[in-house]
C-alpha cells in the first residue's frame, strides 16, 4: 500500500526547531509526522486548517503539558511542505507565528514557480 503523503521541509526552518527539542519531543513529533504521512484521515487532534488563512495548516503535537505547532501546506495534492514550528504558550496561536508561516508559504510557491 503506497504512502498517501510525502513530507518535505522548506529550507532549514523546521529542522532548526526540531533539533532544539528534547528527545521526548522529537520522538512525539516523529510519531505525529508518521500519522500525517500514512493516515488517509488525520484526526483533527493532530492536524487542522488555520481558518483565517488560505491553505495553511498546523500539525499539533502535545508532550505532557507542552504544546507544539508545526505550520505546513499541501503541494501537488499529496505532498506536505513543513515550514516552521514553535512551542505554544497561550490558548491562541500568536498572530506573528501565523504571519511568518504565511510569508514562508508565499515564498515557497514563488520560488517553485520561478524554477519552472
Protein backbone atom coordinates (compact mmCIF):
# COMPACT_ATOMS: atom_id res chain seq x y z
CA UNK A 1 0.00 0.00 0.00
CA UNK A 2 1.57 3.33 -1.04
CA UNK A 3 2.07 6.12 1.47
CA UNK A 4 -0.71 8.67 0.99
CA UNK A 5 1.57 11.70 1.61
CA UNK A 6 5.19 12.74 1.35
CA UNK A 7 6.66 15.27 3.79
CA UNK A 8 9.32 17.76 2.71
CA UNK A 9 10.99 20.62 4.58
CA UNK A 10 11.12 24.15 3.20
CA UNK A 11 14.65 25.43 3.79
CA UNK A 12 16.05 24.94 7.31
CA UNK A 13 13.24 26.43 9.42
CA UNK A 14 11.63 23.20 10.60
CA UNK A 15 14.97 21.47 11.25
CA UNK A 16 16.19 24.37 13.38
CA UNK A 17 13.09 23.98 15.53
CA UNK A 18 13.31 20.18 15.57
CA UNK A 19 16.95 19.85 16.67
CA UNK A 20 16.38 22.33 19.51
CA UNK A 21 13.79 20.00 21.10
CA UNK A 22 14.35 17.28 23.70
CA UNK A 23 14.47 13.62 22.66
CA UNK A 24 10.96 13.11 24.06
CA UNK A 25 9.53 15.97 21.99
CA UNK A 26 11.36 14.83 18.83
CA UNK A 27 10.02 11.30 19.33
CA UNK A 28 6.45 12.63 19.58
CA UNK A 29 6.94 14.90 16.55
CA UNK A 30 8.15 11.84 14.59
CA UNK A 31 5.05 9.88 15.64
CA UNK A 32 2.70 12.65 14.55
CA UNK A 33 4.55 13.18 11.24
CA UNK A 34 4.22 9.44 10.58
CA UNK A 35 0.45 9.78 11.11
CA UNK A 36 0.37 12.67 8.64
CA UNK A 37 2.27 10.58 6.09
CA UNK A 38 0.34 7.36 6.42
CA UNK A 39 -3.24 8.03 7.54
CA UNK A 40 -5.84 8.84 4.94
CA UNK A 41 -7.91 10.77 7.51
CA UNK A 42 -5.77 12.54 10.11
CA UNK A 43 -7.61 13.28 13.37
CA UNK A 44 -8.09 17.00 14.00
CA UNK A 45 -6.30 16.49 17.30
CA UNK A 46 -3.09 16.23 15.24
CA UNK A 47 -3.76 18.22 12.07
CA UNK A 48 -6.08 21.07 11.17
CA UNK A 49 -6.55 24.01 8.86
CA UNK A 50 -5.78 27.53 10.05
CA UNK A 51 -9.20 29.02 9.35
CA UNK A 52 -8.02 32.61 8.95
CA UNK A 53 -5.64 31.68 6.11
CA UNK A 54 -5.83 30.23 2.63
CA UNK A 55 -4.15 26.82 2.51
CA UNK A 56 -2.14 26.92 5.74
CA UNK A 57 -2.36 24.01 8.19
CA UNK A 58 -0.89 23.19 11.58
CA UNK A 59 0.43 19.90 12.84
CA UNK A 60 -0.37 19.63 16.53
CA UNK A 61 1.97 17.91 18.98
CA UNK A 62 1.40 17.61 22.71
CA UNK A 63 4.01 16.32 25.16
CA UNK A 64 2.96 16.29 28.82
CA UNK A 65 1.58 19.82 29.35
CA UNK A 66 3.58 21.40 26.49
CA UNK A 67 2.00 22.14 23.14
CA UNK A 68 3.92 22.47 19.88
CA UNK A 69 2.73 23.58 16.46
CA UNK A 70 4.30 23.00 13.06
CA UNK A 71 2.96 25.00 10.15
CA UNK A 72 2.62 23.40 6.74
CA UNK A 73 0.71 23.37 3.47
CA UNK A 74 -0.12 20.93 0.70
CA UNK A 75 1.58 20.93 -2.68
CA UNK A 76 0.79 18.63 -5.59
CA UNK A 77 -2.13 17.16 -3.65
CA UNK A 78 -0.24 14.63 -1.54
CA UNK A 79 2.95 16.49 -0.61
CA UNK A 80 3.07 18.24 2.77
CA UNK A 81 5.57 21.10 3.00
CA UNK A 82 6.75 21.87 6.55
CA UNK A 83 7.65 25.46 7.35
CA UNK A 84 8.48 26.21 10.98
CA UNK A 85 7.46 25.13 14.44
CA UNK A 86 7.16 26.71 17.85
CA UNK A 87 6.13 25.91 21.39
CA UNK A 88 2.70 27.32 22.11
CA UNK A 89 2.49 29.20 25.40
CA UNK A 90 -1.06 30.54 25.25
CA UNK A 91 -4.53 29.36 24.22
CA UNK A 92 -4.49 31.30 20.97
CA UNK A 93 -1.87 30.78 18.26
CA UNK A 94 0.15 34.02 18.13
CA UNK A 95 -0.60 36.16 15.07
CA UNK A 96 3.10 36.73 14.39
CA UNK A 97 3.64 32.95 14.07
CA UNK A 98 0.77 32.66 11.59
CA UNK A 99 2.06 35.66 9.64
CA UNK A 100 5.53 34.12 9.47
CA UNK A 101 4.07 30.85 8.17
CA UNK A 102 2.04 32.72 5.55
CA UNK A 103 5.19 34.55 4.38
CA UNK A 104 7.11 31.27 4.15
CA UNK A 105 4.29 29.61 2.22
CA UNK A 106 4.16 32.52 -0.24
CA UNK A 107 7.95 32.42 -0.60
CA UNK A 108 7.88 28.65 -1.21
CA UNK A 109 5.34 28.89 -4.03
CA UNK A 110 7.10 31.91 -5.63
CA UNK A 111 10.42 30.05 -5.64
CA UNK A 112 8.75 26.96 -7.06
CA UNK A 113 7.11 28.99 -9.82
CA UNK A 114 10.46 30.59 -10.74
CA UNK A 115 12.08 27.15 -11.06
CA UNK A 116 9.55 26.02 -13.66
